[in-house]
Amino acid sequence: MVATNDRTVTVFGGTGFLGRRIVRHLRSHGFPVRAVSRHPDRGHRLFGPDDPQLQSVWANIHDERSVADALAAACGVVNAVSLYAERGQETFHSVHVESAQRVAAQARRAGVDRLIHISGIGADAGSRSRYIRKRGEGELAVRSAFGDALFVRPAVMLGPDDAFLTTILELLRRLPIYPMFGRSLTRLQPAHVEDVAEAIGRVMRQAEMPSTIFEFGGPRVYSYEEFLGAVARQAGLAPRLVPIPFAAWNALAWVSEMFPSPLLTRNQVELMQIDTVSSPDLPGFAELGI
């Protein structure tokens, strides 16, 4: 996919935290882009009306017809739709497996040249974590529907308006005593969201590429405690970091889930017990010159 000016890329989840960055980076690489979401008015606000090569369109990934319409005449597709907390019929299975398979199958039917599916480091169909298990099952479903799909697994992503660092920083500022998840030995390798979006733009530009899994982790691996300390120092804060057993966090999450918009879920507690570090055996930023 070297020539770009007549090769439209459809981005599902095109107004999300990562998706809107993918849209902008694809445009910077010369691709016409169709930013797809259930809230195209948000796309109009994000991207403005001045770029004739960037469309904000409506589609629902749970609906076969709207997915097919969003893929009409597209040469590439990025599925950046994600779900971090289940609500009603919006479940990890419906989004990360069923809808991922639907996008892949419709992309194959539409004759799309390249499909990039956004997953996550640690995706594993055999995991005890429901979120990670459904991510892994989603990769298998996509591969069965679109055999030469490309998979992108980012580490936790940081950037303006993220849901991770922003929340941590707010809590560090408010709490003189900061409760940590267990002993906070879980390892993470945070990546900047703009780097992930740029990597996806470069992958889309590649002329020939067999089905590959990319894992994008940042330049340093931290324990969770080290990360909290680094953030606090940069913000000029000196909170007392106190370990809280995971059993207590699970009980708190169970209570939180009784409310319509839980501040904490048991799934999030599970994720804080699992390392999210890129594999040295898989290509990442370095292979793309980032």
C-alpha atoms as a PDB file:
ATOM      1  CA  MET A   1       0.000   0.000   0.000  1.00  0.00           C
ATOM      2  CA  VAL A   2       2.614   2.572  -1.092  1.00  0.00           C
ATOM      3  CA  ALA A   3       0.445   4.889  -3.216  1.00  0.00           C
ATOM      4  CA  THR A   4      -2.012   6.459  -0.798  1.00  0.00           C
ATOM      5  CA  ASN A   5      -3.987   9.271  -2.378  1.00  0.00           C
ATOM      6  CA  ASP A   6      -6.718   7.041  -3.809  1.00  0.00           C
ATOM      7  CA  ARG A   7      -6.673   4.329  -1.129  1.00  0.00           C
ATOM      8  CA  THR A   8      -9.305   5.044   1.507  1.00  0.00           C
ATOM      9  CA  VAL A   9      -8.776   3.595   4.984  1.00  0.00           C
ATOM     10  CA  THR A  10     -11.791   3.012   7.212  1.00  0.00           C
ATOM     11  CA  VAL A  11     -11.073   3.402  10.937  1.00  0.00           C
ATOM     12  CA  PHE A  12     -13.656   1.845  13.250  1.00  0.00           C
ATOM     13  CA  GLY A  13     -13.582   3.591  16.611  1.00  0.00           C
ATOM     14  CA  GLY A  14     -12.232   6.644  14.804  1.00  0.00           C
ATOM     15  CA  THR A  15     -13.201   9.126  17.538  1.00  0.00           C
ATOM     16  CA  GLY A  16     -11.754   7.160  20.481  1.00  0.00           C
ATOM     17  CA  PHE A  17      -8.602   7.824  22.480  1.00  0.00           C
ATOM     18  CA  LEU A  18      -6.377   5.881  20.061  1.00  0.00           C
ATOM     19  CA  GLY A  19      -8.687   5.945  17.027  1.00  0.00           C
ATOM     20  CA  ARG A  20      -8.668   9.701  16.538  1.00  0.00           C
ATOM     21  CA  ARG A  21      -4.860   9.708  16.619  1.00  0.00           C
ATOM     22  CA  ILE A  22      -4.792   6.898  14.052  1.00  0.00           C
ATOM     23  CA  VAL A  23      -7.052   8.984  11.801  1.00  0.00           C
ATOM     24  CA  ARG A  24      -4.710  11.985  12.004  1.00  0.00           C
ATOM     25  CA  HIS A  25      -1.552   9.938  11.412  1.00  0.00           C
ATOM     26  CA  LEU A  26      -3.091   8.132   8.432  1.00  0.00           C
ATOM     27  CA  ARG A  27      -3.967  11.529   6.962  1.00  0.00           C
ATOM     28  CA  SER A  28      -0.386  12.706   7.542  1.00  0.00           C
ATOM     29  CA  HIS A  29       0.732   9.688   5.501  1.00  0.00           C
ATOM     30  CA  GLY A  30      -1.566  10.757   2.668  1.00  0.00           C
ATOM     31  CA  PHE A  31      -4.427   8.292   3.094  1.00  0.00           C
ATOM     32  CA  PRO A  32      -8.025   9.425   2.599  1.00  0.00           C
ATOM     33  CA  VAL A  33      -9.732   8.353   5.835  1.00  0.00           C
ATOM     34  CA  ARG A  34     -13.255   7.402   6.839  1.00  0.00           C
ATOM     35  CA  ALA A  35     -13.533   7.873  10.636  1.00  0.00           C
ATOM     36  CA  VAL A  36     -16.344   5.580  11.771  1.00  0.00           C
ATOM     37  CA  SER A  37     -18.174   5.733  15.092  1.00  0.00           C
ATOM     38  CA  ARG A  38     -21.638   5.818  16.584  1.00  0.00           C
ATOM     39  CA  HIS A  39     -21.108   9.545  17.208  1.00  0.00           C
ATOM     40  CA  PRO A  40     -20.021  11.130  13.905  1.00  0.00           C
ATOM     41  CA  ASP A  41     -20.852  14.584  15.308  1.00  0.00           C
ATOM     42  CA  ARG A  42     -17.902  14.030  17.661  1.00  0.00           C
ATOM     43  CA  GLY A  43     -15.755  13.388  14.596  1.00  0.00           C
ATOM     44  CA  HIS A  44     -16.877  16.666  13.045  1.00  0.00           C
ATOM     45  CA  ARG A  45     -15.822  18.476  16.233  1.00  0.00           C
ATOM     46  CA  LEU A  46     -12.487  16.653  16.443  1.00  0.00           C
ATOM     47  CA  PHE A  47     -11.419  16.911  12.836  1.00  0.00           C
ATOM     48  CA  GLY A  48     -13.305  19.958  11.532  1.00  0.00           C
ATOM     49  CA  PRO A  49     -14.952  20.393   8.128  1.00  0.00           C
ATOM     50  CA  ASP A  50     -11.951  21.600   6.142  1.00  0.00           C
ATOM     51  CA  ASP A  51     -10.392  18.326   4.965  1.00  0.00           C
ATOM     52  CA  PRO A  52     -12.261  16.817   1.988  1.00  0.00           C
ATOM     53  CA  GLN A  53     -10.200  13.626   2.362  1.00  0.00           C
ATOM     54  CA  LEU A  54     -11.499  12.943   5.879  1.00  0.00           C
ATOM     55  CA  GLN A  55     -15.081  11.778   6.392  1.00  0.00           C
ATOM     56  CA  SER A  56     -16.813  11.252   9.747  1.00  0.00           C
ATOM     57  CA  VAL A  57     -19.526   8.622   9.270  1.00  0.00           C
ATOM     58  CA  TRP A  58     -21.917   6.625  11.430  1.00  0.00           C
ATOM     59  CA  ALA A  59     -21.791   2.865  11.898  1.00  0.00           C
ATOM     60  CA  ASN A  60     -22.539   0.361  14.630  1.00  0.00           C
ATOM     61  CA  ILE A  61     -20.102  -2.554  14.711  1.00  0.00           C
ATOM     62  CA  HIS A  62     -22.890  -4.770  16.062  1.00  0.00           C
ATOM     63  CA  ASP A  63     -24.838  -4.220  12.825  1.00  0.00           C
ATOM     64  CA  GLU A  64     -23.823  -6.126   9.681  1.00  0.00           C
ATOM     65  CA  ARG A  65     -25.269  -3.637   7.195  1.00  0.00           C
ATOM     66  CA  SER A  66     -23.713  -0.522   8.689  1.00  0.00           C
ATOM     67  CA  VAL A  67     -20.302  -2.228   8.880  1.00  0.00           C
ATOM     68  CA  ALA A  68     -20.575  -3.214   5.214  1.00  0.00           C
ATOM     69  CA  ASP A  69     -21.569   0.331   4.231  1.00  0.00           C
ATOM     70  CA  ALA A  70     -18.609   1.810   6.138  1.00  0.00           C
ATOM     71  CA  LEU A  71     -16.252  -0.506   4.224  1.00  0.00           C
ATOM     72  CA  ALA A  72     -17.581   0.259   0.741  1.00  0.00           C
ATOM     73  CA  ALA A  73     -14.691   1.023  -1.651  1.00  0.00           C
ATOM     74  CA  ALA A  74     -12.122   0.999   1.185  1.00  0.00           C
ATOM     75  CA  CYS A  75      -8.677  -0.464   0.569  1.00  0.00           C
ATOM     76  CA  GLY A  76      -7.635  -0.617   4.213  1.00  0.00           C
ATOM     77  CA  VAL A  77      -9.348  -0.937   7.580  1.00  0.00           C
ATOM     78  CA  VAL A  78      -8.265  -0.425  11.176  1.00  0.00           C
ATOM     79  CA  ASN A  79     -10.466  -1.799  13.954  1.00  0.00           C
ATOM     80  CA  ALA A  80      -9.691   0.358  16.994  1.00  0.00           C
ATOM     81  CA  VAL A  81     -12.948  -0.330  18.853  1.00  0.00           C
ATOM     82  CA  SER A  82     -12.380  -1.346  22.462  1.00  0.00           C
ATOM     83  CA  LEU A  83     -14.322  -1.872  25.671  1.00  0.00           C
ATOM     84  CA  TYR A  84     -12.897  -1.715  29.186  1.00  0.00           C
ATOM     85  CA  ALA A  85     -16.054  -2.090  31.283  1.00  0.00           C
ATOM     86  CA  GLU A  86     -19.048  -4.244  30.352  1.00  0.00           C
ATOM     87  CA  ARG A  87     -22.470  -2.574  30.347  1.00  0.00           C
ATOM     88  CA  GLY A  88     -25.644  -4.469  29.469  1.00  0.00           C
ATOM     89  CA  GLN A  89     -25.330  -5.967  25.981  1.00  0.00           C
ATOM     90  CA  GLU A  90     -21.959  -4.248  25.475  1.00  0.00           C
ATOM     91  CA  THR A  91     -19.792  -7.143  26.655  1.00  0.00           C
ATOM     92  CA  PHE A  92     -16.192  -8.132  26.044  1.00  0.00           C
ATOM     93  CA  HIS A  93     -17.471 -11.023  23.917  1.00  0.00           C
ATOM     94  CA  SER A  94     -19.842  -8.905  21.821  1.00  0.00           C
ATOM     95  CA  VAL A  95     -17.211  -6.221  21.126  1.00  0.00           C
ATOM     96  CA  HIS A  96     -13.848  -8.004  21.110  1.00  0.00           C
ATOM     97  CA  VAL A  97     -14.976 -11.285  19.532  1.00  0.00           C
ATOM     98  CA  GLU A  98     -18.288 -11.069  17.677  1.00  0.00           C
ATOM     99  CA  SER A  99     -17.877  -7.536  16.333  1.00  0.00           C
ATOM    100  CA  ALA A 100     -14.186  -8.043  15.547  1.00  0.00           C
ATOM    101  CA  GLN A 101     -15.121 -11.110  13.512  1.00  0.00           C
ATOM    102  CA  ARG A 102     -17.925  -9.145  11.809  1.00  0.00           C
ATOM    103  CA  VAL A 103     -15.553  -6.351  10.740  1.00  0.00           C
ATOM    104  CA  ALA A 104     -12.988  -8.876   9.466  1.00  0.00           C
ATOM    105  CA  ALA A 105     -15.548 -10.920   7.533  1.00  0.00           C
ATOM    106  CA  GLN A 106     -17.093  -7.836   5.926  1.00  0.00           C
ATOM    107  CA  ALA A 107     -13.627  -6.498   5.083  1.00  0.00           C
ATOM    108  CA  ARG A 108     -12.803  -9.760   3.300  1.00  0.00           C
ATOM    109  CA  ARG A 109     -16.147  -9.637   1.480  1.00  0.00           C
ATOM    110  CA  ALA A 110     -15.513  -6.021   0.417  1.00  0.00           C
ATOM    111  CA  GLY A 111     -12.108  -6.887  -1.053  1.00  0.00           C
ATOM    112  CA  VAL A 112     -10.117  -4.825   1.454  1.00  0.00           C
ATOM    113  CA  ASP A 113      -6.360  -5.208   0.951  1.00  0.00           C
ATOM    114  CA  ARG A 114      -5.217  -4.720   4.532  1.00  0.00           C
ATOM    115  CA  LEU A 115      -6.834  -5.158   7.939  1.00  0.00           C
ATOM    116  CA  ILE A 116      -5.129  -3.975  11.126  1.00  0.00           C
ATOM    117  CA  HIS A 117      -6.798  -5.239  14.290  1.00  0.00           C
ATOM    118  CA  ILE A 118      -5.972  -3.463  17.557  1.00  0.00           C
ATOM    119  CA  SER A 119      -5.682  -5.897  20.453  1.00  0.00           C
ATOM    120  CA  GLY A 120      -3.497  -5.638  23.557  1.00  0.00           C
ATOM    121  CA  ILE A 121      -0.277  -7.021  25.014  1.00  0.00           C
ATOM    122  CA  GLY A 122      -0.985 -10.269  26.816  1.00  0.00           C
ATOM    123  CA  ALA A 123      -4.044 -11.192  24.697  1.00  0.00           C
ATOM    124  CA  ASP A 124      -4.554 -14.888  25.416  1.00  0.00           C
ATOM    125  CA  ALA A 125      -7.574 -17.070  24.680  1.00  0.00           C
ATOM    126  CA  GLY A 126      -6.587 -19.262  27.643  1.00  0.00           C
ATOM    127  CA  SER A 127      -6.346 -16.482  30.253  1.00  0.00           C
ATOM    128  CA  ARG A 128      -8.399 -16.579  33.464  1.00  0.00           C
ATOM    129  CA  SER A 129      -9.039 -12.838  33.011  1.00  0.00           C
ATOM    130  CA  ARG A 130     -12.239 -12.436  30.998  1.00  0.00           C
ATOM    131  CA  TYR A 131     -10.980  -9.253  29.330  1.00  0.00           C
ATOM    132  CA  ILE A 132      -7.658 -10.779  28.238  1.00  0.00           C
ATOM    133  CA  ARG A 133      -9.337 -14.056  27.225  1.00  0.00           C
ATOM    134  CA  LYS A 134     -11.816 -12.254  24.963  1.00  0.00           C
ATOM    135  CA  ARG A 135      -9.009 -10.220  23.447  1.00  0.00           C
ATOM    136  CA  GLY A 136      -7.269 -13.488  22.579  1.00  0.00           C
ATOM    137  CA  GLU A 137     -10.447 -15.085  21.248  1.00  0.00           C
ATOM    138  CA  GLY A 138     -10.986 -11.947  19.169  1.00  0.00           C
ATOM    139  CA  GLU A 139      -7.594 -12.332  17.505  1.00  0.00           C
ATOM    140  CA  LEU A 140      -8.448 -15.936  16.614  1.00  0.00           C
ATOM    141  CA  ALA A 141     -11.849 -14.880  15.236  1.00  0.00           C
ATOM    142  CA  VAL A 142     -10.273 -12.152  13.100  1.00  0.00           C
ATOM    143  CA  ARG A 143      -7.605 -14.503  11.755  1.00  0.00           C
ATOM    144  CA  SER A 144     -10.241 -17.082  10.800  1.00  0.00           C
ATOM    145  CA  ALA A 145     -12.196 -14.454   8.836  1.00  0.00           C
ATOM    146  CA  PHE A 146      -9.247 -12.521   7.339  1.00  0.00           C
ATOM    147  CA  GLY A 147      -6.232 -14.806   7.167  1.00  0.00           C
ATOM    148  CA  ASP A 148      -3.575 -12.171   6.443  1.00  0.00           C
ATOM    149  CA  ALA A 149      -4.753  -9.657   9.059  1.00  0.00           C
ATOM    150  CA  LEU A 150      -2.143  -7.677  10.970  1.00  0.00           C
ATOM    151  CA  PHE A 151      -2.397  -7.434  14.760  1.00  0.00           C
ATOM    152  CA  VAL A 152      -1.268  -4.538  16.926  1.00  0.00           C
ATOM    153  CA  ARG A 153      -0.913  -5.078  20.673  1.00  0.00           C
ATOM    154  CA  PRO A 154      -0.128  -1.840  22.514  1.00  0.00           C
ATOM    155  CA  ALA A 155       1.003  -1.652  26.119  1.00  0.00           C
ATOM    156  CA  VAL A 156      -0.891   0.743  28.388  1.00  0.00           C
ATOM    157  CA  MET A 157      -1.053   4.009  26.426  1.00  0.00           C
ATOM    158  CA  LEU A 158      -0.361   7.450  27.847  1.00  0.00           C
ATOM    159  CA  GLY A 159      -1.307  10.832  26.423  1.00  0.00           C
ATOM    160  CA  PRO A 160      -3.507  13.865  26.990  1.00  0.00           C
ATOM    161  CA  ASP A 161      -6.999  12.812  28.204  1.00  0.00           C
ATOM    162  CA  ASP A 162      -5.982   9.180  28.794  1.00  0.00           C
ATOM    163  CA  ALA A 163      -7.806   7.111  31.405  1.00  0.00           C
ATOM    164  CA  PHE A 164      -4.672   5.794  33.135  1.00  0.00           C
ATOM    165  CA  LEU A 165      -2.041   8.444  33.885  1.00  0.00           C
ATOM    166  CA  THR A 166      -4.642  11.215  34.211  1.00  0.00           C
ATOM    167  CA  THR A 167      -6.497   9.263  36.900  1.00  0.00           C
ATOM    168  CA  ILE A 168      -3.297   8.328  38.746  1.00  0.00           C
ATOM    169  CA  LEU A 169      -2.092  11.941  38.758  1.00  0.00           C
ATOM    170  CA  GLU A 170      -5.431  13.227  40.029  1.00  0.00           C
ATOM    171  CA  LEU A 171      -5.430  10.688  42.875  1.00  0.00           C
ATOM    172  CA  LEU A 172      -1.795  11.406  43.772  1.00  0.00           C
ATOM    173  CA  ARG A 173      -2.659  15.085  44.080  1.00  0.00           C
ATOM    174  CA  ARG A 174      -5.698  14.399  46.269  1.00  0.00           C
ATOM    175  CA  LEU A 175      -4.431  11.577  48.499  1.00  0.00           C
ATOM    176  CA  PRO A 176      -1.506  12.038  50.908  1.00  0.00           C
ATOM    177  CA  ILE A 177      -1.628   8.247  51.397  1.00  0.00           C
ATOM    178  CA  TYR A 178      -1.922   6.387  48.088  1.00  0.00           C
ATOM    179  CA  PRO A 179      -3.311   2.807  48.183  1.00  0.00           C
ATOM    180  CA  MET A 180      -1.365   0.490  45.849  1.00  0.00           C
ATOM    181  CA  PHE A 181      -2.569  -2.740  44.224  1.00  0.00           C
ATOM    182  CA  GLY A 182      -0.965  -5.491  46.304  1.00  0.00           C
ATOM    183  CA  ARG A 183       2.797  -5.082  46.575  1.00  0.00           C
ATOM    184  CA  SER A 184       2.744  -3.244  43.208  1.00  0.00           C
ATOM    185  CA  LEU A 185       5.305  -5.541  41.591  1.00  0.00           C
ATOM    186  CA  THR A 186       3.261  -5.908  38.373  1.00  0.00           C
ATOM    187  CA  ARG A 187       5.369  -4.702  35.451  1.00  0.00           C
ATOM    188  CA  LEU A 188       4.206  -2.276  32.778  1.00  0.00           C
ATOM    189  CA  GLN A 189       5.851  -0.680  29.751  1.00  0.00           C
ATOM    190  CA  PRO A 190       3.805   2.437  28.952  1.00  0.00           C
ATOM    191  CA  ALA A 191       3.788   3.733  25.387  1.00  0.00           C
ATOM    192  CA  HIS A 192       2.819   7.163  24.114  1.00  0.00           C
ATOM    193  CA  VAL A 193      -0.460   7.010  22.188  1.00  0.00           C
ATOM    194  CA  GLU A 194       0.968   9.171  19.365  1.00  0.00           C
ATOM    195  CA  ASP A 195       3.788   6.652  18.827  1.00  0.00           C
ATOM    196  CA  VAL A 196       1.255   3.812  18.562  1.00  0.00           C
ATOM    197  CA  ALA A 197      -0.829   5.793  16.064  1.00  0.00           C
ATOM    198  CA  GLU A 198       2.244   6.634  13.982  1.00  0.00           C
ATOM    199  CA  ALA A 199       3.305   2.985  13.986  1.00  0.00           C
ATOM    200  CA  ILE A 200      -0.101   2.000  12.615  1.00  0.00           C
ATOM    201  CA  GLY A 201       0.265   4.600   9.864  1.00  0.00           C
ATOM    202  CA  ARG A 202       3.657   3.134   8.917  1.00  0.00           C
ATOM    203  CA  VAL A 203       2.302  -0.415   8.952  1.00  0.00           C
ATOM    204  CA  MET A 204      -0.501   0.636   6.614  1.00  0.00           C
ATOM    205  CA  ARG A 205       2.056   2.127   4.207  1.00  0.00           C
ATOM    206  CA  GLN A 206       4.084  -1.079   3.877  1.00  0.00           C
ATOM    207  CA  ALA A 207       3.867  -2.484   0.348  1.00  0.00           C
ATOM    208  CA  GLU A 208       4.091  -6.168   1.297  1.00  0.00           C
ATOM    209  CA  MET A 209       3.606  -7.619   4.751  1.00  0.00           C
ATOM    210  CA  PRO A 210       2.510 -11.108   5.802  1.00  0.00           C
ATOM    211  CA  SER A 211       0.206 -11.566   8.785  1.00  0.00           C
ATOM    212  CA  THR A 212       2.225 -10.257  11.734  1.00  0.00           C
ATOM    213  CA  ILE A 213       1.731  -9.462  15.405  1.00  0.00           C
ATOM    214  CA  PHE A 214       3.309  -6.178  16.575  1.00  0.00           C
ATOM    215  CA  GLU A 215       3.737  -5.392  20.261  1.00  0.00           C
ATOM    216  CA  PHE A 216       4.299  -1.750  21.097  1.00  0.00           C
ATOM    217  CA  GLY A 217       5.830  -1.031  24.497  1.00  0.00           C
ATOM    218  CA  GLY A 218       7.600   2.153  25.530  1.00  0.00           C
ATOM    219  CA  PRO A 219      11.324   2.653  26.238  1.00  0.00           C
ATOM    220  CA  ARG A 220      11.243   1.552  29.886  1.00  0.00           C
ATOM    221  CA  VAL A 221       9.722  -1.229  31.977  1.00  0.00           C
ATOM    222  CA  TYR A 222       8.487  -0.178  35.438  1.00  0.00           C
ATOM    223  CA  SER A 223       7.001  -1.968  38.371  1.00  0.00           C
ATOM    224  CA  TYR A 224       3.693  -0.309  39.258  1.00  0.00           C
ATOM    225  CA  GLU A 225       5.306   1.148  42.385  1.00  0.00           C
ATOM    226  CA  GLU A 226       8.231   2.541  40.366  1.00  0.00           C
ATOM    227  CA  PHE A 227       5.790   4.104  37.925  1.00  0.00           C
ATOM    228  CA  LEU A 228       3.796   5.765  40.708  1.00  0.00           C
ATOM    229  CA  GLY A 229       7.026   7.107  42.199  1.00  0.00           C
ATOM    230  CA  ALA A 230       8.195   8.501  38.861  1.00  0.00           C
ATOM    231  CA  VAL A 231       4.865  10.225  38.235  1.00  0.00           C
ATOM    232  CA  ALA A 232       4.800  11.684  41.748  1.00  0.00           C
ATOM    233  CA  ARG A 233       8.351  13.048  41.408  1.00  0.00           C
ATOM    234  CA  GLN A 234       7.598  14.682  38.063  1.00  0.00           C
ATOM    235  CA  ALA A 235       4.531  16.325  39.616  1.00  0.00           C
ATOM    236  CA  GLY A 236       6.483  17.514  42.664  1.00  0.00           C
ATOM    237  CA  LEU A 237       4.490  15.260  45.006  1.00  0.00           C
ATOM    238  CA  ALA A 238       5.608  12.985  47.846  1.00  0.00           C
ATOM    239  CA  PRO A 239       2.685  10.726  48.772  1.00  0.00           C
ATOM    240  CA  ARG A 240       3.045   7.741  51.073  1.00  0.00           C
ATOM    241  CA  LEU A 241       2.521   4.591  48.967  1.00  0.00           C
ATOM    242  CA  VAL A 242       0.742   1.878  50.960  1.00  0.00           C
ATOM    243  CA  PRO A 243       0.239  -1.710  49.683  1.00  0.00           C
ATOM    244  CA  ILE A 244      -3.347  -3.006  49.915  1.00  0.00           C
ATOM    245  CA  PRO A 245      -4.002  -6.770  49.417  1.00  0.00           C
ATOM    246  CA  PHE A 246      -5.746  -7.743  46.184  1.00  0.00           C
ATOM    247  CA  ALA A 247      -8.484  -9.471  48.207  1.00  0.00           C
ATOM    248  CA  ALA A 248      -9.476  -6.066  49.614  1.00  0.00           C
ATOM    249  CA  TRP A 249      -9.461  -4.514  46.126  1.00  0.00           C
ATOM    250  CA  ASN A 250     -11.686  -7.335  44.821  1.00  0.00           C
ATOM    251  CA  ALA A 251     -14.179  -6.741  47.626  1.00  0.00           C
ATOM    252  CA  LEU A 252     -14.191  -3.000  46.912  1.00  0.00           C
ATOM    253  CA  ALA A 253     -14.676  -3.646  43.173  1.00  0.00           C
ATOM    254  CA  TRP A 254     -17.567  -6.027  43.889  1.00  0.00           C
ATOM    255  CA  VAL A 255     -19.350  -3.247  45.781  1.00  0.00           C
ATOM    256  CA  SER A 256     -18.456  -0.653  43.125  1.00  0.00           C
ATOM    257  CA  GLU A 257     -19.986  -2.801  40.375  1.00  0.00           C
ATOM    258  CA  MET A 258     -23.398  -2.459  42.011  1.00  0.00           C
ATOM    259  CA  PHE A 259     -23.525   1.163  40.846  1.00  0.00           C
ATOM    260  CA  PRO A 260     -24.406   2.259  37.262  1.00  0.00           C
ATOM    261  CA  SER A 261     -20.931   3.739  36.594  1.00  0.00           C
ATOM    262  CA  PRO A 262     -18.494   1.781  38.789  1.00  0.00           C
ATOM    263  CA  LEU A 263     -15.251   3.516  39.727  1.00  0.00           C
ATOM    264  CA  LEU A 264     -13.534   0.120  39.906  1.00  0.00           C
ATOM    265  CA  THR A 265     -14.309  -3.314  38.469  1.00  0.00           C
ATOM    266  CA  ARG A 266     -13.030  -6.793  39.326  1.00  0.00           C
ATOM    267  CA  ASN A 267     -11.730  -7.014  35.776  1.00  0.00           C
ATOM    268  CA  GLN A 268      -9.515  -3.971  36.403  1.00  0.00           C
ATOM    269  CA  VAL A 269      -8.213  -5.561  39.615  1.00  0.00           C
ATOM    270  CA  GLU A 270      -7.381  -8.734  37.654  1.00  0.00           C
ATOM    271  CA  LEU A 271      -5.489  -6.702  35.048  1.00  0.00           C
ATOM    272  CA  MET A 272      -3.358  -5.089  37.752  1.00  0.00           C
ATOM    273  CA  GLN A 273      -1.986  -8.555  38.585  1.00  0.00           C
ATOM    274  CA  ILE A 274      -0.748  -9.243  35.034  1.00  0.00           C
ATOM    275  CA  ASP A 275       2.457  -7.888  33.455  1.00  0.00           C
ATOM    276  CA  THR A 276       1.985  -5.892  30.227  1.00  0.00           C
ATOM    277  CA  VAL A 277       5.476  -5.961  28.724  1.00  0.00           C
ATOM    278  CA  SER A 278       6.236  -6.410  25.026  1.00  0.00           C
ATOM    279  CA  SER A 279       7.802  -9.662  23.863  1.00  0.00           C
ATOM    280  CA  PRO A 280      11.392  -9.464  22.550  1.00  0.00           C
ATOM    281  CA  ASP A 281      10.396 -12.127  19.993  1.00  0.00           C
ATOM    282  CA  LEU A 282       7.808  -9.915  18.260  1.00  0.00           C
ATOM    283  CA  PRO A 283       8.380  -6.808  16.121  1.00  0.00           C
ATOM    284  CA  GLY A 284       7.656  -3.434  17.693  1.00  0.00           C
ATOM    285  CA  PHE A 285       8.530   0.237  17.401  1.00  0.00           C
ATOM    286  CA  ALA A 286      12.179  -0.367  16.481  1.00  0.00           C
ATOM    287  CA  GLU A 287      11.301  -2.383  13.382  1.00  0.00           C
ATOM    288  CA  LEU A 288       9.247   0.578  12.126  1.00  0.00           C
ATOM    289  CA  GLY A 289      11.933   3.172  12.843  1.00  0.00           C
ATOM    290  CA  ILE A 290      10.200   4.661  15.878  1.00  0.00           C
END
